[in-house]
Each structure stands twice: as C-alpha cells, then as structure tokens.
N, C-alpha and C. Protein backbone atom coordinates (compact mmCIF):
# COMPACT_ATOMS: atom_id res chain seq x y z
N UNK A 1 106.82 18.03 2.95
CA UNK A 1 108.47 18.85 3.94
C UNK A 1 109.38 17.96 2.80
N UNK A 2 110.68 19.82 2.39
CA UNK A 2 111.75 19.55 1.74
C UNK A 2 112.34 18.12 1.80
N UNK A 3 112.84 17.06 1.02
CA UNK A 3 113.99 16.90 1.30
C UNK A 3 115.36 16.87 1.83
N UNK A 4 115.89 18.41 1.87
CA UNK A 4 117.03 19.01 3.05
C UNK A 4 116.36 18.60 4.17
N UNK A 5 115.52 19.11 4.33
CA UNK A 5 115.11 19.40 5.94
C UNK A 5 114.99 18.06 6.01
N UNK A 6 114.86 16.65 5.67
CA UNK A 6 114.07 15.57 5.76
C UNK A 6 115.51 14.57 6.44
N UNK A 7 116.56 14.99 5.18
CA UNK A 7 117.89 14.44 5.43
C UNK A 7 118.03 15.03 6.38
N UNK A 8 118.05 16.42 6.71
CA UNK A 8 119.20 16.87 7.96
C UNK A 8 118.38 16.58 9.75
N UNK A 9 116.37 16.30 9.48
CA UNK A 9 115.97 15.47 10.76
C UNK A 9 117.06 13.98 10.63
N UNK A 10 116.54 12.96 9.46
CA UNK A 10 116.96 12.16 9.08
C UNK A 10 118.51 11.96 10.44
N UNK A 11 119.52 12.87 9.94
CA UNK A 11 120.89 13.21 10.17
C UNK A 11 120.75 12.92 11.96
N UNK A 12 120.01 13.80 12.65
CA UNK A 12 120.18 14.14 13.75
C UNK A 12 119.52 12.80 14.79
N UNK A 13 118.15 12.65 14.19
CA UNK A 13 118.05 11.62 14.91
C UNK A 13 118.81 10.22 14.71
N UNK A 14 119.36 9.99 13.55
CA UNK A 14 120.83 9.35 13.37
C UNK A 14 121.80 9.65 14.80
N UNK A 15 122.42 11.08 14.69
CA UNK A 15 123.55 11.06 15.61
C UNK A 15 122.43 10.69 17.09
N UNK A 16 121.47 11.67 17.69
CA UNK A 16 121.23 10.85 18.84
C UNK A 16 121.15 9.44 19.02
N UNK A 17 120.77 8.74 18.57
CA UNK A 17 120.43 7.17 18.39
C UNK A 17 121.65 6.64 18.59
N UNK A 18 122.98 7.36 17.82
CA UNK A 18 124.14 7.01 17.76
C UNK A 18 125.27 7.06 19.33
N UNK A 19 124.88 8.14 20.36
CA UNK A 19 124.95 9.40 21.84
C UNK A 19 124.18 8.35 22.18
N UNK A 20 122.51 7.48 21.83
CA UNK A 20 122.20 7.54 23.33
C UNK A 20 123.00 5.89 23.85
N UNK A 21 122.99 4.72 22.18
CA UNK A 21 123.88 4.06 21.85
C UNK A 21 125.17 3.85 22.69
N UNK A 22 126.44 4.84 22.57
CA UNK A 22 127.89 5.17 23.42
C UNK A 22 126.88 5.22 25.07
N UNK A 23 125.52 6.31 25.12
CA UNK A 23 125.82 6.27 26.54
C UNK A 23 125.73 5.02 27.38
N UNK A 24 124.84 4.09 26.58
CA UNK A 24 124.13 2.90 26.92
C UNK A 24 125.26 1.71 27.95
N UNK A 25 126.09 1.84 26.38
CA UNK A 25 126.96 0.33 26.57
C UNK A 25 128.64 0.56 27.59
N UNK A 26 128.78 2.48 27.89
CA UNK A 26 129.20 2.90 28.75
C UNK A 26 128.76 2.02 29.97
N UNK A 27 127.72 2.83 29.94
CA UNK A 27 126.47 2.36 31.75
C UNK A 27 126.64 1.24 31.93
N UNK A 28 126.67 -0.06 30.89
CA UNK A 28 126.59 -1.25 31.29
C UNK A 28 128.48 -1.46 31.41
N UNK A 29 129.27 -0.88 30.80
CA UNK A 29 130.74 -0.92 30.99
C UNK A 29 131.45 -0.97 32.33
N UNK A 30 130.81 0.20 32.29
CA UNK A 30 130.92 0.67 33.96
C UNK A 30 130.44 -0.40 35.09
N UNK A 31 129.28 -1.36 34.41
CA UNK A 31 128.26 -2.10 35.84
C UNK A 31 129.44 -3.79 36.14
N UNK A 32 130.33 -3.44 35.22
CA UNK A 32 131.61 -5.27 35.00
C UNK A 32 132.66 -5.26 36.17
N UNK A 33 132.23 -6.18 36.56
CA UNK A 33 133.68 -7.29 37.99
C UNK A 33 134.86 -6.85 37.10
N UNK A 34 135.35 -7.45 38.05
CA UNK A 34 136.74 -7.55 37.32
C UNK A 34 137.18 -8.42 36.30
N UNK A 35 136.24 -9.34 37.39
CA UNK A 35 136.38 -11.48 36.38
C UNK A 35 135.71 -11.08 34.88
N UNK A 36 134.09 -10.49 34.78
CA UNK A 36 133.39 -10.29 33.33
C UNK A 36 134.67 -9.29 32.64
N UNK A 37 135.90 -7.93 33.39
CA UNK A 37 136.43 -7.42 32.16
C UNK A 37 137.27 -8.43 31.75
N UNK A 38 137.99 -9.82 32.38
CA UNK A 38 139.17 -10.60 32.40
C UNK A 38 138.20 -11.35 30.83
N UNK A 39 137.37 -12.01 31.37
CA UNK A 39 136.25 -12.83 30.32
C UNK A 39 135.95 -12.37 29.34
N UNK A 40 135.87 -10.64 29.19
CA UNK A 40 135.86 -10.41 27.38
C UNK A 40 137.27 -9.07 26.97
N UNK A 41 138.65 -9.58 27.89
CA UNK A 41 139.61 -9.34 27.40
C UNK A 41 140.32 -7.97 27.43
N UNK A 42 139.13 -6.93 28.68
CA UNK A 42 139.09 -5.66 28.70
C UNK A 42 139.94 -5.66 29.95
N UNK A 43 141.06 -4.59 29.92
CA UNK A 43 142.03 -4.72 31.23
C UNK A 43 140.98 -3.05 32.02
N UNK A 44 141.04 -3.69 33.21
CA UNK A 44 140.91 -1.93 34.24
C UNK A 44 141.30 -0.71 33.37
N UNK A 45 141.67 -0.13 33.23
CA UNK A 45 142.44 0.99 32.16
C UNK A 45 141.85 1.32 31.05
N UNK A 46 141.47 0.05 30.08
CA UNK A 46 140.57 0.26 28.81
C UNK A 46 138.77 0.81 29.26
N UNK A 47 139.08 0.24 30.54
CA UNK A 47 137.81 0.21 30.97
C UNK A 47 137.83 1.89 31.05
N UNK A 48 138.90 2.05 32.50
CA UNK A 48 139.01 3.30 32.67
C UNK A 48 138.81 4.60 31.14
N UNK A 49 139.21 3.93 29.92
CA UNK A 49 140.37 5.05 28.91
C UNK A 49 138.94 5.76 28.66
N UNK A 50 137.95 4.26 28.65
CA UNK A 50 136.45 4.13 27.85
C UNK A 50 135.45 5.25 28.40
N UNK A 51 135.42 5.43 29.74
CA UNK A 51 134.75 6.13 30.63
C UNK A 51 135.15 8.06 30.20
N UNK A 52 136.85 8.09 30.89
CA UNK A 52 136.44 8.94 30.69
C UNK A 52 136.01 9.95 29.53
N UNK A 53 135.99 9.00 28.41
CA UNK A 53 135.61 9.80 27.61
C UNK A 53 134.26 10.40 27.32
N UNK A 54 134.76 11.83 26.29
CA UNK A 54 132.81 12.71 26.54
C UNK A 54 132.02 12.13 25.84
N UNK A 55 130.71 12.38 26.02
CA UNK A 55 129.36 11.41 25.50
C UNK A 55 129.59 11.78 24.01
N UNK A 56 130.06 12.60 23.35
CA UNK A 56 129.96 12.62 22.43
C UNK A 56 130.77 12.07 21.09
N UNK A 57 132.12 11.19 22.26
CA UNK A 57 132.90 11.05 21.56
C UNK A 57 132.63 9.39 21.52
C-alpha cells in the first residue's frame, strides 16, 4: 500500500477515535448528578454548554 494512502487511513482512524472518545466523555458527563459535577468543579451551565456542542467539535 502506498505511503500516502497509509497516512490518510491512519489520519482517518485517529479522527474516528477522537470522535468516539468525545462522544464517550460527553455521555459520561451527562450522567453526573449535581454533587458529582460540583466535586469536579463543573457547573450545570458548563455541562450544558459542552453537551450542546455538535459531535465533531
């Protein structure tokens, strides 16, 4: 396989992995209660701002 194709495929796999990780962490953030948010220093507004972002950001 040519190097350019390998590089492109690796880049796409990295991006897919980033999207998956972002989705996973946002899902976990959405499951935290107010006490847990307070424990980690995240306000309800901060959580909502993060959850309102499109999946690619």
